[in-house]
Amino acid sequence: MNRNMHWNRIKTLTLFVAFASIIACKEIPPFIDYSVPIQLSRDTTYLTTSTLPTQARNVLIEDISGDKCVNCPTAAAIAHSIKENNDEGRVVIMTLHTWKLSNLTAPLGKDTLNTDDATNIIQTLIIGDIQGLPNGSVNRKIYDGKTEALLNPTSWESYANQDLNTQSDIYAELELIPDKANRSVIANVKIISLKEINEPLNMTLALTESHIIGPQETKPGSQVVIVEDYEHNFILRKTITNYGGINLAQSFERGRTFEKGFEFTLPAKSNFDNCTVVLLIHKTGATDKQVLQVVEANL
């Protein structure tokens, strides 16, 4: 090997090492929503002049969980109990597996439950940087006496009952037309403002899945154990709109009605029969992002 070839190899190796070092030290950027704007198969709005319907206010419990959080199964059981103790459809659960807090949320199974959508919802719509688990929110609402929407699971039921005993300012209706052969779904949405509302509202469609069998750390005694056949329920698989939703309007007359149709395909790893679509109507303020109404429909 001549001297020129030798020095060329050294230069090439040096550049490679330097490039690899730059990549290794590159800071991971925050999650940014690069989703393509949703295409609507139907999109209309009009003023309803007939008698308006009424609807009780439903409750969304967002259970922030992780595969390595030994106390999260207890929180899941609390959320499930609240749902079971109320009429069908009054309580909706979304279990959010974040990419943050990796010591508690790092995936244990082949079916990764963590999603960017869950991470972004927690960071931008509920709390920001979360410090520990289990935790969650009820209607993303900052209740009287509280300074943030994040709530300990032991308090979920008492706060949920406050909203369950009120009438909703928003009527929401969700109809699904599933096509199992093609793994696609049409979701038709109808939303009516039941009073004058002088602030912007967004709507979000999300897909959840239950009966997912996979590992979960628990601590039944003094030792941490991994339950290999734990059943994960109400897992947020993805948001059909982007995670922050799409804007309905900046303000609303009483009777303002929106009808929208969405067509989407289920993720390949999801079991069609175990999936649910969730519809949220929520505020978009700097500090007030509460969910005003939530409904769900099973595939």
Protein backbone atom coordinates (compact mmCIF):
# COMPACT_ATOMS: atom_id res chain seq x y z
CA MET A 1 0.00 0.00 0.00
CA ASN A 2 1.51 3.39 -0.98
CA ARG A 3 1.61 6.39 1.36
CA ASN A 4 -1.22 8.29 -0.40
CA MET A 5 -3.62 5.37 -0.08
CA HIS A 6 -2.68 5.02 3.58
CA TRP A 7 -3.41 8.69 4.35
CA ASN A 8 -6.67 8.61 2.41
CA ARG A 9 -7.90 5.71 4.55
CA ILE A 10 -6.92 7.57 7.73
CA LYS A 11 -8.80 10.68 6.55
CA THR A 12 -11.88 8.63 5.69
CA LEU A 13 -11.86 6.90 9.09
CA THR A 14 -11.40 10.23 10.88
CA LEU A 15 -14.35 11.80 9.07
CA PHE A 16 -16.54 8.78 9.84
CA VAL A 17 -15.70 8.92 13.56
CA ALA A 18 -16.37 12.67 13.67
CA PHE A 19 -19.71 12.25 11.87
CA ALA A 20 -20.75 9.43 14.18
CA SER A 21 -19.84 11.56 17.20
CA ILE A 22 -22.03 14.40 15.94
CA ILE A 23 -24.98 12.04 15.49
CA ALA A 24 -24.46 10.45 18.90
CA CYS A 25 -24.46 13.85 20.60
CA LYS A 26 -27.43 15.24 18.68
CA GLU A 27 -30.18 16.40 21.02
CA ILE A 28 -33.54 14.68 20.55
CA PRO A 29 -36.05 17.38 19.56
CA PRO A 30 -39.50 17.69 21.13
CA PHE A 31 -42.43 16.01 19.43
CA ILE A 32 -43.89 18.13 16.65
CA ASP A 33 -47.14 17.34 14.88
CA TYR A 34 -46.33 16.79 11.21
CA SER A 35 -49.56 14.95 10.45
CA VAL A 36 -51.26 15.54 7.12
CA PRO A 37 -54.50 17.52 7.45
CA ILE A 38 -57.46 15.16 7.71
CA GLN A 39 -59.53 14.67 4.58
CA LEU A 40 -63.26 14.85 5.27
CA SER A 41 -65.80 12.82 3.32
CA ARG A 42 -68.50 15.13 4.65
CA ASP A 43 -68.20 18.62 6.12
CA THR A 44 -71.17 20.90 6.67
CA THR A 45 -72.51 23.33 9.23
CA TYR A 46 -75.92 24.92 9.69
CA LEU A 47 -78.20 26.43 12.30
CA THR A 48 -80.78 24.08 13.81
CA THR A 49 -84.11 25.84 14.27
CA SER A 50 -86.09 22.89 15.65
CA THR A 51 -86.20 21.84 19.30
CA LEU A 52 -82.68 21.07 20.48
CA PRO A 53 -81.82 17.75 22.11
CA THR A 54 -80.42 17.49 25.63
CA GLN A 55 -77.51 15.36 26.74
CA ALA A 56 -75.94 14.67 30.11
CA ARG A 57 -72.27 15.53 30.38
CA ASN A 58 -70.05 12.48 30.02
CA VAL A 59 -66.58 12.08 31.51
CA LEU A 60 -63.21 11.31 29.97
CA ILE A 61 -60.63 9.69 32.25
CA GLU A 62 -57.13 9.77 30.77
CA ASP A 63 -55.07 7.18 32.62
CA ILE A 64 -51.34 7.86 32.14
CA SER A 65 -49.66 4.49 32.41
CA GLY A 66 -46.52 2.46 31.70
CA ASP A 67 -45.44 -1.16 31.35
CA LYS A 68 -42.88 -0.76 34.15
CA CYS A 69 -45.13 1.21 36.53
CA VAL A 70 -45.95 -1.31 39.26
CA ASN A 71 -48.85 0.75 40.66
CA CYS A 72 -50.48 1.47 37.29
CA PRO A 73 -52.65 -1.69 37.32
CA THR A 74 -54.29 -0.32 40.49
CA ALA A 75 -55.05 2.96 38.70
CA ALA A 76 -56.46 1.03 35.74
CA ALA A 77 -58.74 -0.88 38.09
CA ILE A 78 -59.98 2.39 39.61
CA ALA A 79 -60.82 3.82 36.17
CA HIS A 80 -62.56 0.59 35.15
CA SER A 81 -64.62 0.58 38.36
CA ILE A 82 -65.81 4.15 37.72
CA LYS A 83 -66.83 3.18 34.21
CA GLU A 84 -68.67 0.06 35.40
CA ASN A 85 -70.50 1.93 38.16
CA ASN A 86 -72.13 4.36 35.73
CA ASP A 87 -74.56 3.96 32.86
CA GLU A 88 -73.10 2.71 29.60
CA GLY A 89 -71.28 5.43 27.70
CA ARG A 90 -71.15 7.95 30.54
CA VAL A 91 -67.48 7.31 31.35
CA VAL A 92 -64.86 6.97 28.62
CA ILE A 93 -61.30 5.85 29.35
CA MET A 94 -58.17 6.52 27.29
CA THR A 95 -54.99 4.92 28.58
CA LEU A 96 -51.96 6.95 27.54
CA HIS A 97 -48.54 5.32 27.28
CA THR A 98 -45.96 8.09 26.96
CA TRP A 99 -42.38 7.95 25.72
CA LYS A 100 -41.35 10.06 28.72
CA LEU A 101 -40.30 8.64 32.13
CA SER A 102 -38.61 5.68 30.44
CA ASN A 103 -37.85 4.04 33.80
CA LEU A 104 -41.62 3.55 34.15
CA THR A 105 -42.81 3.49 30.55
CA ALA A 106 -40.19 1.60 28.54
CA PRO A 107 -42.04 -1.09 26.54
CA LEU A 108 -41.74 -4.64 27.85
CA GLY A 109 -43.55 -6.46 25.05
CA LYS A 110 -43.35 -6.75 21.28
CA ASP A 111 -46.57 -4.75 20.94
CA THR A 112 -45.37 -1.27 21.88
CA LEU A 113 -48.22 0.65 23.51
CA ASN A 114 -46.32 3.95 23.63
CA THR A 115 -47.29 6.54 21.02
CA ASP A 116 -46.25 10.04 20.01
CA ASP A 117 -49.93 11.04 20.21
CA ALA A 118 -50.16 10.01 23.87
CA THR A 119 -46.91 11.83 24.65
CA ASN A 120 -48.10 15.00 22.94
CA ILE A 121 -51.53 14.93 24.63
CA ILE A 122 -49.89 14.72 28.05
CA GLN A 123 -47.31 17.42 27.30
CA THR A 124 -49.55 19.96 25.56
CA LEU A 125 -53.11 19.29 26.73
CA ILE A 126 -52.86 17.93 30.29
CA ILE A 127 -49.76 18.79 32.27
CA GLY A 128 -46.47 19.33 30.42
CA ASP A 129 -43.56 17.34 31.84
CA ILE A 130 -44.98 14.60 34.04
CA GLN A 131 -42.94 13.66 37.11
CA GLY A 132 -44.40 10.34 38.20
CA LEU A 133 -46.95 7.56 37.70
CA PRO A 134 -49.69 6.56 38.08
CA ASN A 135 -51.46 9.81 37.26
CA GLY A 136 -54.20 11.10 35.01
CA SER A 137 -56.92 13.63 34.42
CA VAL A 138 -60.70 13.90 34.38
CA ASN A 139 -61.99 15.89 31.39
CA ARG A 140 -58.58 17.67 31.31
CA LYS A 141 -60.20 20.04 33.76
CA ILE A 142 -58.59 22.13 36.49
CA TYR A 143 -61.15 21.69 39.27
CA ASP A 144 -61.83 24.19 42.04
CA GLY A 145 -58.99 24.19 44.53
CA LYS A 146 -56.55 22.69 42.02
CA THR A 147 -53.75 24.38 40.08
CA GLU A 148 -53.38 21.75 37.35
CA ALA A 149 -55.40 19.12 35.51
CA LEU A 150 -53.26 16.21 36.74
CA LEU A 151 -55.04 14.16 39.41
CA ASN A 152 -54.12 11.23 41.64
CA PRO A 153 -56.18 8.13 40.71
CA THR A 154 -57.72 8.00 44.20
CA SER A 155 -59.52 11.28 43.43
CA TRP A 156 -60.78 10.43 39.94
CA GLU A 157 -64.20 9.22 41.08
CA SER A 158 -65.09 12.25 43.20
CA TYR A 159 -64.18 14.68 40.41
CA ALA A 160 -65.88 12.56 37.75
CA ASN A 161 -69.10 12.62 39.76
CA GLN A 162 -69.11 16.42 39.70
CA ASP A 163 -69.37 16.47 35.91
CA LEU A 164 -71.59 13.39 35.60
CA ASN A 165 -74.28 15.24 37.54
CA THR A 166 -74.47 18.16 35.07
CA GLN A 167 -75.99 18.76 31.65
CA SER A 168 -73.68 19.22 28.69
CA ASP A 169 -73.38 22.46 26.72
CA ILE A 170 -72.57 20.32 23.68
CA TYR A 171 -74.56 17.51 22.06
CA ALA A 172 -72.33 14.90 20.39
CA GLU A 173 -73.27 11.94 18.24
CA LEU A 174 -70.96 9.34 16.68
CA GLU A 175 -71.93 6.75 14.07
CA LEU A 176 -69.46 4.16 12.74
CA ILE A 177 -69.66 2.29 9.45
CA PRO A 178 -66.99 -0.42 9.68
CA ASP A 179 -65.52 -2.31 6.71
CA LYS A 180 -63.74 -5.20 8.38
CA ALA A 181 -62.59 -6.77 5.11
CA ASN A 182 -60.58 -3.67 4.24
CA ARG A 183 -59.85 -2.71 7.86
CA SER A 184 -61.37 0.70 7.25
CA VAL A 185 -63.98 2.76 9.08
CA ILE A 186 -66.20 5.70 8.26
CA ALA A 187 -66.96 7.81 11.33
CA ASN A 188 -69.87 10.22 10.99
CA VAL A 189 -69.99 12.97 13.60
CA LYS A 190 -72.80 15.33 14.59
CA ILE A 191 -72.15 18.14 17.06
CA ILE A 192 -74.67 20.74 18.26
CA SER A 193 -74.01 23.74 20.48
CA LEU A 194 -76.80 23.78 23.08
CA LYS A 195 -75.99 27.32 24.22
CA GLU A 196 -74.11 30.36 22.99
CA ILE A 197 -70.38 29.78 23.41
CA ASN A 198 -67.95 32.65 22.90
CA GLU A 199 -64.67 30.81 22.59
CA PRO A 200 -63.08 28.40 20.09
CA LEU A 201 -63.62 24.66 20.39
CA ASN A 202 -61.82 21.76 18.76
CA MET A 203 -62.94 18.20 18.12
CA THR A 204 -60.67 15.16 18.25
CA LEU A 205 -61.27 11.62 17.05
CA ALA A 206 -59.15 8.90 18.63
CA LEU A 207 -58.81 5.14 18.32
CA THR A 208 -58.45 2.97 21.44
CA GLU A 209 -58.03 -0.78 21.77
CA SER A 210 -58.74 -3.21 24.63
CA HIS A 211 -57.93 -6.84 25.48
CA ILE A 212 -54.29 -6.48 24.48
CA ILE A 213 -52.34 -9.24 26.21
CA GLY A 214 -48.78 -8.36 27.11
CA PRO A 215 -46.29 -8.00 29.98
CA GLN A 216 -46.78 -5.58 32.86
CA GLU A 217 -44.73 -5.04 35.99
CA THR A 218 -46.63 -5.28 39.28
CA LYS A 219 -45.70 -5.47 42.94
CA PRO A 220 -48.16 -7.71 44.77
CA GLY A 221 -45.80 -8.02 47.75
CA SER A 222 -42.28 -6.87 48.42
CA GLN A 223 -40.94 -8.05 45.08
CA VAL A 224 -41.55 -6.64 41.61
CA VAL A 225 -42.85 -9.27 39.21
CA ILE A 226 -43.69 -9.22 35.52
CA VAL A 227 -47.14 -10.53 34.64
CA GLU A 228 -46.68 -11.86 31.11
CA ASP A 229 -50.40 -12.19 30.31
CA TYR A 230 -51.67 -8.88 31.69
CA GLU A 231 -54.70 -7.45 29.86
CA HIS A 232 -54.19 -3.85 28.73
CA ASN A 233 -57.43 -1.97 28.08
CA PHE A 234 -58.53 1.34 26.51
CA ILE A 235 -55.06 1.90 25.03
CA LEU A 236 -54.77 4.96 22.80
CA ARG A 237 -53.54 3.56 19.48
CA LYS A 238 -53.67 6.80 17.52
CA THR A 239 -55.60 9.99 17.02
CA ILE A 240 -57.54 10.04 13.76
CA THR A 241 -57.42 13.81 13.62
CA ASN A 242 -54.13 15.21 14.88
CA TYR A 243 -53.71 14.95 18.65
CA GLY A 244 -54.87 18.54 19.26
CA GLY A 245 -57.99 18.11 17.15
CA ILE A 246 -59.46 20.26 14.40
CA ASN A 247 -61.14 23.59 14.95
CA LEU A 248 -64.94 23.68 14.75
CA ALA A 249 -65.40 27.47 15.02
CA GLN A 250 -64.23 30.47 17.01
CA SER A 251 -67.67 31.01 18.59
CA PHE A 252 -71.09 29.35 18.47
CA GLU A 253 -74.72 30.42 18.33
CA ARG A 254 -77.21 28.25 20.14
CA GLY A 255 -78.20 25.50 17.71
CA ARG A 256 -75.05 25.70 15.58
CA THR A 257 -74.67 22.20 14.12
CA PHE A 258 -71.70 20.49 12.52
CA GLU A 259 -71.73 17.26 10.52
CA LYS A 260 -68.42 15.71 9.50
CA GLY A 261 -67.39 12.38 8.05
CA PHE A 262 -63.97 10.77 8.49
CA GLU A 263 -62.59 7.69 6.77
CA PHE A 264 -59.52 5.95 8.19
CA THR A 265 -57.68 2.64 8.30
CA LEU A 266 -56.82 0.71 11.45
CA PRO A 267 -53.17 0.05 12.35
CA ALA A 268 -52.01 -3.37 11.16
CA LYS A 269 -51.33 -4.59 14.71
CA SER A 270 -54.81 -3.74 16.03
CA ASN A 271 -57.58 -6.31 16.47
CA PHE A 272 -60.56 -4.84 14.62
CA ASP A 273 -63.12 -6.32 17.04
CA ASN A 274 -61.44 -4.83 20.12
CA CYS A 275 -61.28 -1.23 18.94
CA THR A 276 -63.32 1.82 19.93
CA VAL A 277 -63.55 5.29 18.42
CA VAL A 278 -63.68 8.21 20.84
CA LEU A 279 -65.02 11.68 20.00
CA LEU A 280 -63.94 14.66 22.13
CA ILE A 281 -65.10 18.28 22.00
CA HIS A 282 -62.71 20.45 23.97
CA LYS A 283 -61.50 23.95 24.71
CA THR A 284 -58.26 25.35 23.33
CA GLY A 285 -57.31 28.09 25.80
CA ALA A 286 -53.81 28.68 27.09
CA THR A 287 -54.73 27.16 30.46
CA ASP A 288 -58.28 25.86 29.97
CA LYS A 289 -58.27 22.80 27.70
CA GLN A 290 -61.12 20.90 29.32
CA VAL A 291 -63.25 18.38 27.49
CA LEU A 292 -66.86 19.58 27.30
CA GLN A 293 -68.29 16.34 25.92
CA VAL A 294 -67.06 12.88 25.02
CA VAL A 295 -68.79 9.91 23.37
CA GLU A 296 -67.53 6.56 22.12
CA ALA A 297 -68.63 3.80 19.77
CA ASN A 298 -67.33 0.25 19.37
CA LEU A 299 -66.42 -1.24 16.03
